[in-house]
Structure formats: structure tokens, C-alpha cells
Amino acid sequence: MIALAFLISCEKEVKPIPKSFGLFEMPNGFDVVEHPTDNQYTKARWDLGKKLFFDPIMSLDSTISCSSCHKPELAFSDDVAFSKGVDGAIGMRNAPSLANVSYHPYFTREGGVPTLEMQILVPIQEHNEFNFNIVLLAERLSQNSEYVELTHDAYNRSPDPFTITRSLSCFERSLISGYSKYDQYINYGNLDVLNDSEIRGMNLFFSDKTNCVSCHGGFNFTNYEFANNGLYESYPDKGRFRLTGLNSDLAMFKIPSLRNVELTSPYMHDGSFKTLKEVILHYNEGGKSNTQKSNLIQPLNLSSEEIDDLVSFLKSLTDQTFINNPIFKN
């Protein structure tokens, strides 16, 4: 098998990488972000959504915001297994990264929410998150002169559930990450940016030996499907079964993107693995047996060096430009 690195070296020309990126400036190799017909992008809508995202006014007691569990410096994820909500309530799942959320075809770990606009409702009204009501939130915003002005500028109407969900989703759609070392190597022709271990890990990741790309393929390193990855023999969290009631969906969870995965620990839907090496060791051993475990999860027989190389490659998916972009800071 000819190494992926060799093929790239024969074809790529170096393309300059800017120090920062504007709103919806698409990385090379990415699909264009599509906006709903009732929520086309405008800067006023984005500004309103960004302000709401970082404002604890969103929660019942005004103590937590979206950014409390989706921190920009962590690729809009959290660094604990379960984030805390109002009054210290504990969430039931690990908070996922919001990077490239604009490309997701459905939302939540079991995929029960069909649009980003509808997903906004989930944390607002979940008792272990914001523990609020979107109608009452709209009434609260209507008493705030700054939000009244921003909302009229954005949607020519007063704050209401429509403007809240649309503006927040407008902001979240702009969280596009595609400028990691890997991207610079693959899509921008910078052949000096990856070290030997990262290149070996990249070739192993895309090889038949690991078959990582069967679940984590494409420009966003996910196929957006659902899988049981053999994490447990029995699952306290029933996953997609909670939505469908089908035994075939027992402990099935949406496959996450691996972009910025170095920053999004702890891993799995319940934050049960603290390090990337633990994750790879789990797959190397073939997972644990249960009736719904994916047939793709098989022992890999990787050497210690190969495991370390895979970790190195996964870390090359970290996008420093994204997490340090001032337009995404509060």
C-alpha cells in the first residue's frame, strides 16, 4: 500500500493559512454551510446569538450560560464527565463539542432532535441544565432594553421563542473548525507541518488495519450514524432506545466528530475515558461483549508504537486557530 503521505507530496501545492478567519469563511475541503430559509445569516442575528450564548440570563437563576458547558478554549466542549446545571444539578451525558455543529443532520446523543433551532430548546428546558421555560425567558428578555433593541435589529420583532432559537443557532452555525495541522497538511499543502509519528498515525488511521474511517470518515471525521461501541456489557444509559423503543437501538449513540478531540476529554457519552490512549486501548481490545455491539469493533492487535502514533495523529486534529479566534470569544 502506497503511503498516504507520499501521494499527497506528489500533488499538493502550499496555500497560505491566514492568522484568523472571518464568519463562515470555509476551510479548503469543507462543504458550504446551509442556512434555513427562515433563518438566513445576518450579522445582527449572529451578534444577538453570540450575546445570548455567553449570557447567564438564559438560565432560571441566571447562574449559567451556554458557554458554561461549551467552553471556547475546549472547542466548545466541557472538561468534566457531566456538566452542572442550575442548583448544581448534574447532567446525564458528557457535553459534546459544538465545532462544526452546522453539519449535523440531527442532534442529541440519540439523534432525537431534527434541527439546530429545535435543539436550542433542550438545554433551556431540561431540569438538570437551565431549568427554565423559553416563554418565560422571552418575557425576561423583553424587560431588557438592550435585548429588545438587538432583537428588533435582527428580526424586526420583540424577543420571543423564535428569535431566541434562531439567533443562537445562527451563532452556533458559525463555529467552523477546519484549520488543524492535519488540514494544513492535507488541504493546504504544508508538508512540513506533521512530524513522523503523526504521519504514521495518519496512515494507520486511514488503513484497512484499523478501519477508523468506517465511522470517522469525511471532512468532519464522522458519518453521523449511530453505533454501540462495546463500552459496557450492560448500559445504564439506553441511548437511542430511549427515543425509538427498539431493541436494535439499545445503547446506540451518535458517532462524534474527532476534530479537536485532544481538547474534548473526558470521552464517550458518559465521560468514562480520561485520555485518548485509554480510548484507543478500548478499541484495540475489541470492546466489551454485548448483544448490540457493532461488528466493526474487533481487536486491532496494535503495537505500543502504533497506539502512540494514533494518539499523535488525533492530536494533530486540534485547531488552534479556531479555539483562539477572537470572534468566538466573549
C-alpha atoms as a PDB file:
ATOM      1  CA  MET A   1       0.000   0.000   0.000  1.00  0.00           C
ATOM      2  CA  ILE A   2       1.474   3.355  -1.026  1.00  0.00           C
ATOM      3  CA  ALA A   3       1.619   5.725   1.945  1.00  0.00           C
ATOM      4  CA  LEU A   4      -0.945   8.488   2.012  1.00  0.00           C
ATOM      5  CA  ALA A   5       1.826  10.946   2.770  1.00  0.00           C
ATOM      6  CA  PHE A   6       3.635  10.077  -0.473  1.00  0.00           C
ATOM      7  CA  LEU A   7       0.520  10.572  -2.576  1.00  0.00           C
ATOM      8  CA  ILE A   8      -0.079  13.968  -1.022  1.00  0.00           C
ATOM      9  CA  SER A   9       3.511  15.078  -1.539  1.00  0.00           C
ATOM     10  CA  CYS A  10       3.148  14.487  -5.280  1.00  0.00           C
ATOM     11  CA  GLU A  11       0.001  16.576  -5.662  1.00  0.00           C
ATOM     12  CA  LYS A  12      -0.236  19.402  -3.143  1.00  0.00           C
ATOM     13  CA  GLU A  13       0.917  22.953  -3.506  1.00  0.00           C
ATOM     14  CA  VAL A  14       1.339  25.164  -0.472  1.00  0.00           C
ATOM     15  CA  LYS A  15      -1.566  27.530   0.138  1.00  0.00           C
ATOM     16  CA  PRO A  16      -1.195  30.286   2.747  1.00  0.00           C
ATOM     17  CA  ILE A  17      -3.137  29.946   6.005  1.00  0.00           C
ATOM     18  CA  PRO A  18      -4.486  33.205   7.435  1.00  0.00           C
ATOM     19  CA  LYS A  19      -3.845  34.019  11.089  1.00  0.00           C
ATOM     20  CA  SER A  20      -7.583  34.300  11.687  1.00  0.00           C
ATOM     21  CA  PHE A  21     -10.776  33.613   9.786  1.00  0.00           C
ATOM     22  CA  GLY A  22     -13.958  35.554   9.222  1.00  0.00           C
ATOM     23  CA  LEU A  23     -17.502  34.387   9.784  1.00  0.00           C
ATOM     24  CA  PHE A  24     -18.464  31.468   7.542  1.00  0.00           C
ATOM     25  CA  GLU A  25     -15.121  31.570   5.773  1.00  0.00           C
ATOM     26  CA  MET A  26     -14.992  27.991   4.568  1.00  0.00           C
ATOM     27  CA  PRO A  27     -11.862  25.868   5.022  1.00  0.00           C
ATOM     28  CA  ASN A  28     -10.498  24.053   1.995  1.00  0.00           C
ATOM     29  CA  GLY A  29     -12.203  20.693   1.603  1.00  0.00           C
ATOM     30  CA  PHE A  30     -15.352  21.670   3.515  1.00  0.00           C
ATOM     31  CA  ASP A  31     -18.946  21.796   2.332  1.00  0.00           C
ATOM     32  CA  VAL A  32     -20.653  25.181   2.342  1.00  0.00           C
ATOM     33  CA  VAL A  33     -22.841  25.744   5.403  1.00  0.00           C
ATOM     34  CA  GLU A  34     -26.533  25.836   4.565  1.00  0.00           C
ATOM     35  CA  HIS A  35     -28.895  28.145   6.460  1.00  0.00           C
ATOM     36  CA  PRO A  36     -32.630  27.502   6.922  1.00  0.00           C
ATOM     37  CA  THR A  37     -34.914  29.626   4.765  1.00  0.00           C
ATOM     38  CA  ASP A  38     -36.439  31.185   7.889  1.00  0.00           C
ATOM     39  CA  ASN A  39     -33.062  31.930   9.462  1.00  0.00           C
ATOM     40  CA  GLN A  40     -30.651  33.236   6.851  1.00  0.00           C
ATOM     41  CA  TYR A  41     -27.428  34.651   8.241  1.00  0.00           C
ATOM     42  CA  THR A  42     -27.126  38.349   9.040  1.00  0.00           C
ATOM     43  CA  LYS A  43     -24.537  39.937  11.292  1.00  0.00           C
ATOM     44  CA  ALA A  44     -27.293  41.327  13.536  1.00  0.00           C
ATOM     45  CA  ARG A  45     -28.689  37.817  14.108  1.00  0.00           C
ATOM     46  CA  TRP A  46     -25.211  36.468  14.784  1.00  0.00           C
ATOM     47  CA  ASP A  47     -24.498  39.284  17.273  1.00  0.00           C
ATOM     48  CA  LEU A  48     -27.711  38.566  19.156  1.00  0.00           C
ATOM     49  CA  GLY A  49     -26.998  34.832  19.238  1.00  0.00           C
ATOM     50  CA  LYS A  50     -23.439  35.341  20.465  1.00  0.00           C
ATOM     51  CA  LYS A  51     -24.591  37.615  23.286  1.00  0.00           C
ATOM     52  CA  LEU A  52     -27.206  35.075  24.368  1.00  0.00           C
ATOM     53  CA  PHE A  53     -24.677  32.229  24.192  1.00  0.00           C
ATOM     54  CA  PHE A  54     -22.412  33.825  26.778  1.00  0.00           C
ATOM     55  CA  ASP A  55     -25.133  35.347  28.978  1.00  0.00           C
ATOM     56  CA  PRO A  56     -26.315  33.513  32.140  1.00  0.00           C
ATOM     57  CA  ILE A  57     -29.635  35.297  31.717  1.00  0.00           C
ATOM     58  CA  MET A  58     -30.577  32.145  29.800  1.00  0.00           C
ATOM     59  CA  SER A  59     -30.904  30.015  32.952  1.00  0.00           C
ATOM     60  CA  LEU A  60     -33.608  30.097  35.607  1.00  0.00           C
ATOM     61  CA  ASP A  61     -31.450  31.716  38.285  1.00  0.00           C
ATOM     62  CA  SER A  62     -29.079  33.483  35.860  1.00  0.00           C
ATOM     63  CA  THR A  63     -26.065  31.491  37.055  1.00  0.00           C
ATOM     64  CA  ILE A  64     -25.038  29.503  33.972  1.00  0.00           C
ATOM     65  CA  SER A  65     -24.833  30.159  30.248  1.00  0.00           C
ATOM     66  CA  CYS A  66     -24.342  28.035  27.152  1.00  0.00           C
ATOM     67  CA  SER A  67     -20.620  28.712  27.471  1.00  0.00           C
ATOM     68  CA  SER A  68     -20.564  27.223  30.975  1.00  0.00           C
ATOM     69  CA  CYS A  69     -20.726  23.750  29.397  1.00  0.00           C
ATOM     70  CA  HIS A  70     -19.420  24.617  25.920  1.00  0.00           C
ATOM     71  CA  LYS A  71     -16.169  26.465  26.548  1.00  0.00           C
ATOM     72  CA  PRO A  72     -14.470  28.122  23.535  1.00  0.00           C
ATOM     73  CA  GLU A  73     -10.981  27.135  24.670  1.00  0.00           C
ATOM     74  CA  LEU A  74     -12.102  23.480  24.702  1.00  0.00           C
ATOM     75  CA  ALA A  75     -13.569  23.612  21.191  1.00  0.00           C
ATOM     76  CA  PHE A  76     -16.912  24.445  22.810  1.00  0.00           C
ATOM     77  CA  SER A  77     -16.987  21.301  24.962  1.00  0.00           C
ATOM     78  CA  ASP A  78     -16.512  20.735  28.696  1.00  0.00           C
ATOM     79  CA  ASP A  79     -13.716  19.108  30.716  1.00  0.00           C
ATOM     80  CA  VAL A  80     -15.867  17.125  33.133  1.00  0.00           C
ATOM     81  CA  ALA A  81     -17.811  13.912  32.598  1.00  0.00           C
ATOM     82  CA  PHE A  82     -21.128  15.565  33.443  1.00  0.00           C
ATOM     83  CA  SER A  83     -21.632  19.317  33.456  1.00  0.00           C
ATOM     84  CA  LYS A  84     -23.505  21.047  36.253  1.00  0.00           C
ATOM     85  CA  GLY A  85     -26.769  22.887  35.721  1.00  0.00           C
ATOM     86  CA  VAL A  86     -28.878  25.169  37.882  1.00  0.00           C
ATOM     87  CA  ASP A  87     -28.545  24.490  41.644  1.00  0.00           C
ATOM     88  CA  GLY A  88     -25.707  22.061  40.947  1.00  0.00           C
ATOM     89  CA  ALA A  89     -27.899  19.568  39.094  1.00  0.00           C
ATOM     90  CA  ILE A  90     -25.795  17.008  37.204  1.00  0.00           C
ATOM     91  CA  GLY A  91     -26.351  16.335  33.520  1.00  0.00           C
ATOM     92  CA  MET A  92     -26.888  12.781  32.279  1.00  0.00           C
ATOM     93  CA  ARG A  93     -24.326  12.860  29.444  1.00  0.00           C
ATOM     94  CA  ASN A  94     -20.993  14.366  28.547  1.00  0.00           C
ATOM     95  CA  ALA A  95     -21.304  17.751  26.823  1.00  0.00           C
ATOM     96  CA  PRO A  96     -20.221  17.383  23.156  1.00  0.00           C
ATOM     97  CA  SER A  97     -18.174  19.883  21.180  1.00  0.00           C
ATOM     98  CA  LEU A  98     -20.133  22.398  19.116  1.00  0.00           C
ATOM     99  CA  ALA A  99     -17.398  22.707  16.487  1.00  0.00           C
ATOM    100  CA  ASN A 100     -18.907  22.124  13.029  1.00  0.00           C
ATOM    101  CA  VAL A 101     -22.336  21.542  14.539  1.00  0.00           C
ATOM    102  CA  SER A 102     -23.752  23.186  11.411  1.00  0.00           C
ATOM    103  CA  TYR A 103     -23.135  19.945   9.504  1.00  0.00           C
ATOM    104  CA  HIS A 104     -25.026  17.654  11.860  1.00  0.00           C
ATOM    105  CA  PRO A 105     -28.217  16.145  10.404  1.00  0.00           C
ATOM    106  CA  TYR A 106     -29.778  15.672  13.877  1.00  0.00           C
ATOM    107  CA  PHE A 107     -28.951  16.450  17.483  1.00  0.00           C
ATOM    108  CA  THR A 108     -28.529  14.971  20.990  1.00  0.00           C
ATOM    109  CA  ARG A 109     -26.697  11.715  21.555  1.00  0.00           C
ATOM    110  CA  GLU A 110     -29.703   9.660  20.450  1.00  0.00           C
ATOM    111  CA  GLY A 111     -30.487  11.899  17.486  1.00  0.00           C
ATOM    112  CA  GLY A 112     -33.969  12.824  18.612  1.00  0.00           C
ATOM    113  CA  VAL A 113     -33.912  16.478  17.569  1.00  0.00           C
ATOM    114  CA  PRO A 114     -34.052  17.193  13.811  1.00  0.00           C
ATOM    115  CA  THR A 115     -32.798  20.805  13.638  1.00  0.00           C
ATOM    116  CA  LEU A 116     -30.317  23.048  15.392  1.00  0.00           C
ATOM    117  CA  GLU A 117     -33.105  25.548  16.059  1.00  0.00           C
ATOM    118  CA  MET A 118     -35.103  22.897  17.917  1.00  0.00           C
ATOM    119  CA  GLN A 119     -32.046  21.705  19.801  1.00  0.00           C
ATOM    120  CA  ILE A 120     -31.747  25.142  21.429  1.00  0.00           C
ATOM    121  CA  LEU A 121     -34.890  24.308  23.382  1.00  0.00           C
ATOM    122  CA  VAL A 122     -33.335  21.248  25.043  1.00  0.00           C
ATOM    123  CA  PRO A 123     -30.844  22.853  27.478  1.00  0.00           C
ATOM    124  CA  ILE A 124     -33.202  25.751  28.224  1.00  0.00           C
ATOM    125  CA  GLN A 125     -35.979  23.480  29.441  1.00  0.00           C
ATOM    126  CA  GLU A 126     -34.034  20.489  30.833  1.00  0.00           C
ATOM    127  CA  HIS A 127     -34.327  20.462  34.622  1.00  0.00           C
ATOM    128  CA  ASN A 128     -30.665  19.494  35.054  1.00  0.00           C
ATOM    129  CA  GLU A 129     -29.437  22.247  32.744  1.00  0.00           C
ATOM    130  CA  PHE A 130     -31.049  25.721  32.594  1.00  0.00           C
ATOM    131  CA  ASN A 131     -34.280  24.508  34.213  1.00  0.00           C
ATOM    132  CA  PHE A 132     -36.220  27.337  32.576  1.00  0.00           C
ATOM    133  CA  ASN A 133     -39.082  27.863  30.162  1.00  0.00           C
ATOM    134  CA  ILE A 134     -38.497  29.528  26.811  1.00  0.00           C
ATOM    135  CA  VAL A 135     -41.704  31.589  27.076  1.00  0.00           C
ATOM    136  CA  LEU A 136     -40.602  32.920  30.459  1.00  0.00           C
ATOM    137  CA  LEU A 137     -37.117  33.529  29.060  1.00  0.00           C
ATOM    138  CA  ALA A 138     -38.627  35.584  26.239  1.00  0.00           C
ATOM    139  CA  GLU A 139     -40.569  37.625  28.801  1.00  0.00           C
ATOM    140  CA  ARG A 140     -37.354  38.212  30.747  1.00  0.00           C
ATOM    141  CA  LEU A 141     -35.532  39.392  27.623  1.00  0.00           C
ATOM    142  CA  SER A 142     -38.444  41.682  26.785  1.00  0.00           C
ATOM    143  CA  GLN A 143     -37.739  43.544  30.016  1.00  0.00           C
ATOM    144  CA  ASN A 144     -34.144  44.150  28.958  1.00  0.00           C
ATOM    145  CA  SER A 145     -33.803  47.213  26.720  1.00  0.00           C
ATOM    146  CA  GLU A 146     -30.553  46.015  25.145  1.00  0.00           C
ATOM    147  CA  TYR A 147     -32.070  42.695  24.109  1.00  0.00           C
ATOM    148  CA  VAL A 148     -35.190  44.408  22.812  1.00  0.00           C
ATOM    149  CA  GLU A 149     -33.046  46.613  20.566  1.00  0.00           C
ATOM    150  CA  LEU A 150     -30.785  43.777  19.406  1.00  0.00           C
ATOM    151  CA  THR A 151     -33.778  41.569  18.624  1.00  0.00           C
ATOM    152  CA  HIS A 152     -35.527  44.270  16.600  1.00  0.00           C
ATOM    153  CA  ASP A 153     -32.305  44.869  14.662  1.00  0.00           C
ATOM    154  CA  ALA A 154     -32.023  41.150  13.929  1.00  0.00           C
ATOM    155  CA  TYR A 155     -35.619  40.072  13.298  1.00  0.00           C
ATOM    156  CA  ASN A 156     -37.760  43.225  13.362  1.00  0.00           C
ATOM    157  CA  ARG A 157     -39.787  41.872  16.274  1.00  0.00           C
ATOM    158  CA  SER A 158     -39.664  41.627  20.042  1.00  0.00           C
ATOM    159  CA  PRO A 159     -37.902  38.795  21.884  1.00  0.00           C
ATOM    160  CA  ASP A 160     -39.830  35.552  21.614  1.00  0.00           C
ATOM    161  CA  PRO A 161     -39.062  31.828  21.270  1.00  0.00           C
ATOM    162  CA  PHE A 162     -38.495  32.248  17.526  1.00  0.00           C
ATOM    163  CA  THR A 163     -35.824  34.937  17.892  1.00  0.00           C
ATOM    164  CA  ILE A 164     -34.095  33.113  20.749  1.00  0.00           C
ATOM    165  CA  THR A 165     -33.777  29.779  18.954  1.00  0.00           C
ATOM    166  CA  ARG A 166     -32.922  31.320  15.579  1.00  0.00           C
ATOM    167  CA  SER A 167     -30.257  33.730  16.787  1.00  0.00           C
ATOM    168  CA  LEU A 168     -28.496  31.137  18.936  1.00  0.00           C
ATOM    169  CA  SER A 169     -28.451  28.641  16.085  1.00  0.00           C
ATOM    170  CA  CYS A 170     -27.145  31.358  13.758  1.00  0.00           C
ATOM    171  CA  PHE A 171     -24.191  31.877  16.079  1.00  0.00           C
ATOM    172  CA  GLU A 172     -23.562  28.147  16.560  1.00  0.00           C
ATOM    173  CA  ARG A 173     -23.559  27.513  12.803  1.00  0.00           C
ATOM    174  CA  SER A 174     -20.566  29.811  12.511  1.00  0.00           C
ATOM    175  CA  LEU A 175     -18.405  27.604  14.768  1.00  0.00           C
ATOM    176  CA  ILE A 176     -16.481  26.125  11.859  1.00  0.00           C
ATOM    177  CA  SER A 177     -13.207  24.346  12.555  1.00  0.00           C
ATOM    178  CA  GLY A 178     -11.005  23.147   9.709  1.00  0.00           C
ATOM    179  CA  TYR A 179      -7.508  24.585  10.150  1.00  0.00           C
ATOM    180  CA  SER A 180      -5.699  21.946  12.197  1.00  0.00           C
ATOM    181  CA  LYS A 181      -2.185  20.705  11.413  1.00  0.00           C
ATOM    182  CA  TYR A 182      -3.825  17.822   9.571  1.00  0.00           C
ATOM    183  CA  ASP A 183      -5.810  20.269   7.418  1.00  0.00           C
ATOM    184  CA  GLN A 184      -2.715  22.301   6.693  1.00  0.00           C
ATOM    185  CA  TYR A 185      -1.016  19.100   5.510  1.00  0.00           C
ATOM    186  CA  ILE A 186      -3.923  17.671   3.509  1.00  0.00           C
ATOM    187  CA  ASN A 187      -5.803  20.718   2.235  1.00  0.00           C
ATOM    188  CA  TYR A 188      -3.192  23.488   2.235  1.00  0.00           C
ATOM    189  CA  GLY A 189      -0.094  21.625   1.051  1.00  0.00           C
ATOM    190  CA  ASN A 190       2.101  22.306   4.076  1.00  0.00           C
ATOM    191  CA  LEU A 191       4.070  19.059   4.033  1.00  0.00           C
ATOM    192  CA  ASP A 192       6.374  20.063   6.885  1.00  0.00           C
ATOM    193  CA  VAL A 193       3.689  20.588   9.498  1.00  0.00           C
ATOM    194  CA  LEU A 194       3.254  16.948  10.602  1.00  0.00           C
ATOM    195  CA  ASN A 195       6.017  15.023  12.339  1.00  0.00           C
ATOM    196  CA  ASP A 196       6.917  11.383  11.622  1.00  0.00           C
ATOM    197  CA  SER A 197       4.712   9.972  14.376  1.00  0.00           C
ATOM    198  CA  GLU A 198       1.712  11.997  13.222  1.00  0.00           C
ATOM    199  CA  ILE A 199       2.189  10.840   9.632  1.00  0.00           C
ATOM    200  CA  ARG A 200       2.496   7.202  10.701  1.00  0.00           C
ATOM    201  CA  GLY A 201      -0.625   7.625  12.797  1.00  0.00           C
ATOM    202  CA  MET A 202      -2.472   9.240   9.894  1.00  0.00           C
ATOM    203  CA  ASN A 203      -1.615   6.387   7.554  1.00  0.00           C
ATOM    204  CA  LEU A 204      -2.679   3.882  10.209  1.00  0.00           C
ATOM    205  CA  PHE A 205      -5.944   5.747  10.858  1.00  0.00           C
ATOM    206  CA  PHE A 206      -6.882   5.562   7.174  1.00  0.00           C
ATOM    207  CA  SER A 207      -5.685   1.970   6.752  1.00  0.00           C
ATOM    208  CA  ASP A 208      -7.675  -1.249   6.479  1.00  0.00           C
ATOM    209  CA  LYS A 209      -5.960  -2.468   9.633  1.00  0.00           C
ATOM    210  CA  THR A 210      -7.822  -0.049  11.886  1.00  0.00           C
ATOM    211  CA  ASN A 211     -10.745   0.880   9.614  1.00  0.00           C
ATOM    212  CA  CYS A 212     -11.285   4.007  11.723  1.00  0.00           C
ATOM    213  CA  VAL A 213     -12.841   5.742   8.734  1.00  0.00           C
ATOM    214  CA  SER A 214     -15.797   3.360   8.661  1.00  0.00           C
ATOM    215  CA  CYS A 215     -17.205   5.531  11.466  1.00  0.00           C
ATOM    216  CA  HIS A 216     -14.925   8.558  11.467  1.00  0.00           C
ATOM    217  CA  GLY A 217     -14.590   9.366   7.770  1.00  0.00           C
ATOM    218  CA  GLY A 218     -15.323  12.503   5.790  1.00  0.00           C
ATOM    219  CA  PHE A 219     -14.064  16.025   6.303  1.00  0.00           C
ATOM    220  CA  ASN A 220     -15.648  16.168   9.774  1.00  0.00           C
ATOM    221  CA  PHE A 221     -14.384  12.736  10.881  1.00  0.00           C
ATOM    222  CA  THR A 222     -17.845  11.280  11.489  1.00  0.00           C
ATOM    223  CA  ASN A 223     -20.515   9.538   9.452  1.00  0.00           C
ATOM    224  CA  TYR A 224     -23.223  10.903  11.840  1.00  0.00           C
ATOM    225  CA  GLU A 225     -24.645   7.407  12.255  1.00  0.00           C
ATOM    226  CA  PHE A 226     -25.378   5.523  15.473  1.00  0.00           C
ATOM    227  CA  ALA A 227     -23.326   2.725  16.961  1.00  0.00           C
ATOM    228  CA  ASN A 228     -22.801   0.611  20.045  1.00  0.00           C
ATOM    229  CA  ASN A 229     -19.045   0.574  20.526  1.00  0.00           C
ATOM    230  CA  GLY A 230     -18.854  -2.106  23.212  1.00  0.00           C
ATOM    231  CA  LEU A 231     -18.251   0.278  26.066  1.00  0.00           C
ATOM    232  CA  TYR A 232     -20.151  -1.871  28.588  1.00  0.00           C
ATOM    233  CA  GLU A 233     -21.714  -5.299  28.857  1.00  0.00           C
ATOM    234  CA  SER A 234     -24.901  -3.634  30.130  1.00  0.00           C
ATOM    235  CA  TYR A 235     -25.763   0.044  29.829  1.00  0.00           C
ATOM    236  CA  PRO A 236     -27.437   2.243  32.443  1.00  0.00           C
ATOM    237  CA  ASP A 237     -27.988   4.788  29.650  1.00  0.00           C
ATOM    238  CA  LYS A 238     -30.047   3.094  26.942  1.00  0.00           C
ATOM    239  CA  GLY A 239     -29.031   5.575  24.235  1.00  0.00           C
ATOM    240  CA  ARG A 240     -31.178   5.694  21.111  1.00  0.00           C
ATOM    241  CA  PHE A 241     -33.500   3.087  22.643  1.00  0.00           C
ATOM    242  CA  ARG A 242     -34.899   5.915  24.793  1.00  0.00           C
ATOM    243  CA  LEU A 243     -36.148   7.540  21.598  1.00  0.00           C
ATOM    244  CA  THR A 244     -37.292   4.591  19.492  1.00  0.00           C
ATOM    245  CA  GLY A 245     -38.014   1.798  21.967  1.00  0.00           C
ATOM    246  CA  LEU A 246     -36.376  -0.637  19.532  1.00  0.00           C
ATOM    247  CA  ASN A 247     -34.114  -3.319  20.952  1.00  0.00           C
ATOM    248  CA  SER A 248     -31.861  -2.843  17.946  1.00  0.00           C
ATOM    249  CA  ASP A 249     -31.166   0.712  19.187  1.00  0.00           C
ATOM    250  CA  LEU A 250     -30.128  -0.321  22.690  1.00  0.00           C
ATOM    251  CA  ALA A 251     -27.092   1.674  23.795  1.00  0.00           C
ATOM    252  CA  MET A 252     -26.648   3.153  20.331  1.00  0.00           C
ATOM    253  CA  PHE A 253     -25.176   6.664  20.363  1.00  0.00           C
ATOM    254  CA  LYS A 254     -24.426   9.181  17.635  1.00  0.00           C
ATOM    255  CA  ILE A 255     -20.855   8.852  16.394  1.00  0.00           C
ATOM    256  CA  PRO A 256     -18.985  12.056  17.309  1.00  0.00           C
ATOM    257  CA  SER A 257     -16.561  14.040  15.204  1.00  0.00           C
ATOM    258  CA  LEU A 258     -12.894  13.592  16.073  1.00  0.00           C
ATOM    259  CA  ARG A 259     -11.973  17.177  15.262  1.00  0.00           C
ATOM    260  CA  ASN A 260     -10.310  18.853  18.249  1.00  0.00           C
ATOM    261  CA  VAL A 261     -10.627  15.547  20.112  1.00  0.00           C
ATOM    262  CA  GLU A 262      -7.485  16.318  22.105  1.00  0.00           C
ATOM    263  CA  LEU A 263      -9.457  19.108  23.822  1.00  0.00           C
ATOM    264  CA  THR A 264     -12.747  17.343  24.446  1.00  0.00           C
ATOM    265  CA  SER A 265     -11.831  14.871  27.181  1.00  0.00           C
ATOM    266  CA  PRO A 266     -13.222  13.036  29.018  1.00  0.00           C
ATOM    267  CA  TYR A 267     -14.509  10.773  26.252  1.00  0.00           C
ATOM    268  CA  MET A 268     -17.591   8.692  25.439  1.00  0.00           C
ATOM    269  CA  HIS A 269     -21.192   9.636  26.130  1.00  0.00           C
ATOM    270  CA  ASP A 270     -20.556   9.324  29.867  1.00  0.00           C
ATOM    271  CA  GLY A 271     -17.016  10.705  30.043  1.00  0.00           C
ATOM    272  CA  SER A 272     -15.701   7.313  31.174  1.00  0.00           C
ATOM    273  CA  PHE A 273     -12.266   7.603  29.500  1.00  0.00           C
ATOM    274  CA  LYS A 274      -9.918  10.397  30.538  1.00  0.00           C
ATOM    275  CA  THR A 275      -7.278  10.071  27.819  1.00  0.00           C
ATOM    276  CA  LEU A 276      -7.043   9.326  24.113  1.00  0.00           C
ATOM    277  CA  LYS A 277      -4.763   6.406  24.874  1.00  0.00           C
ATOM    278  CA  GLU A 278      -7.495   4.827  27.006  1.00  0.00           C
ATOM    279  CA  VAL A 279      -9.911   5.209  24.093  1.00  0.00           C
ATOM    280  CA  ILE A 280      -7.538   3.542  21.636  1.00  0.00           C
ATOM    281  CA  LEU A 281      -6.769   0.733  24.088  1.00  0.00           C
ATOM    282  CA  HIS A 282     -10.516   0.098  24.356  1.00  0.00           C
ATOM    283  CA  TYR A 283     -10.790  -0.336  20.582  1.00  0.00           C
ATOM    284  CA  ASN A 284      -7.535  -2.250  20.392  1.00  0.00           C
ATOM    285  CA  GLU A 285      -9.012  -4.836  22.758  1.00  0.00           C
ATOM    286  CA  GLY A 286     -12.212  -5.071  20.722  1.00  0.00           C
ATOM    287  CA  GLY A 287     -14.527  -3.563  23.316  1.00  0.00           C
ATOM    288  CA  LYS A 288     -16.778  -5.475  25.689  1.00  0.00           C
ATOM    289  CA  SER A 289     -19.335  -8.008  24.579  1.00  0.00           C
ATOM    290  CA  ASN A 290     -22.986  -7.085  24.392  1.00  0.00           C
ATOM    291  CA  THR A 291     -25.763  -8.085  22.033  1.00  0.00           C
ATOM    292  CA  GLN A 292     -25.800  -4.768  20.144  1.00  0.00           C
ATOM    293  CA  LYS A 293     -22.068  -4.150  19.804  1.00  0.00           C
ATOM    294  CA  SER A 294     -21.103  -3.138  16.273  1.00  0.00           C
ATOM    295  CA  ASN A 295     -19.488  -5.861  14.181  1.00  0.00           C
ATOM    296  CA  LEU A 296     -16.866  -3.274  13.258  1.00  0.00           C
ATOM    297  CA  ILE A 297     -15.485  -3.317  16.791  1.00  0.00           C
ATOM    298  CA  GLN A 298     -12.862  -6.065  16.654  1.00  0.00           C
ATOM    299  CA  PRO A 299      -9.415  -6.464  18.282  1.00  0.00           C
ATOM    300  CA  LEU A 300      -6.844  -4.442  16.319  1.00  0.00           C
ATOM    301  CA  ASN A 301      -3.603  -6.001  17.586  1.00  0.00           C
ATOM    302  CA  LEU A 302      -1.801  -2.672  17.554  1.00  0.00           C
ATOM    303  CA  SER A 303       1.719  -2.355  18.895  1.00  0.00           C
ATOM    304  CA  SER A 304       2.627   0.192  21.580  1.00  0.00           C
ATOM    305  CA  GLU A 305       4.259   2.366  18.924  1.00  0.00           C
ATOM    306  CA  GLU A 306       1.168   2.230  16.723  1.00  0.00           C
ATOM    307  CA  ILE A 307      -1.034   3.238  19.639  1.00  0.00           C
ATOM    308  CA  ASP A 308       1.238   6.192  20.372  1.00  0.00           C
ATOM    309  CA  ASP A 309       1.247   7.165  16.694  1.00  0.00           C
ATOM    310  CA  LEU A 310      -2.555   7.151  16.581  1.00  0.00           C
ATOM    311  CA  VAL A 311      -2.652   9.409  19.630  1.00  0.00           C
ATOM    312  CA  SER A 312      -0.194  11.753  17.914  1.00  0.00           C
ATOM    313  CA  PHE A 313      -2.328  11.871  14.783  1.00  0.00           C
ATOM    314  CA  LEU A 314      -5.525  12.548  16.720  1.00  0.00           C
ATOM    315  CA  LYS A 315      -3.813  15.456  18.433  1.00  0.00           C
ATOM    316  CA  SER A 316      -2.947  16.864  15.002  1.00  0.00           C
ATOM    317  CA  LEU A 317      -6.714  17.422  14.538  1.00  0.00           C
ATOM    318  CA  THR A 318      -6.578  20.239  17.118  1.00  0.00           C
ATOM    319  CA  ASP A 319      -7.403  23.570  15.507  1.00  0.00           C
ATOM    320  CA  GLN A 320      -5.530  26.285  17.392  1.00  0.00           C
ATOM    321  CA  THR A 321      -6.794  28.950  15.007  1.00  0.00           C
ATOM    322  CA  PHE A 322     -10.379  28.033  15.854  1.00  0.00           C
ATOM    323  CA  ILE A 323     -10.057  27.978  19.622  1.00  0.00           C
ATOM    324  CA  ASN A 324      -8.061  31.231  19.628  1.00  0.00           C
ATOM    325  CA  ASN A 325     -10.233  33.088  17.116  1.00  0.00           C
ATOM    326  CA  PRO A 326     -11.256  36.348  18.839  1.00  0.00           C
ATOM    327  CA  ILE A 327     -14.632  36.448  17.087  1.00  0.00           C
ATOM    328  CA  PHE A 328     -15.700  33.427  19.148  1.00  0.00           C
ATOM    329  CA  LYS A 329     -14.578  34.894  22.472  1.00  0.00           C
ATOM    330  CA  ASN A 330     -16.900  36.613  24.910  1.00  0.00           C
END
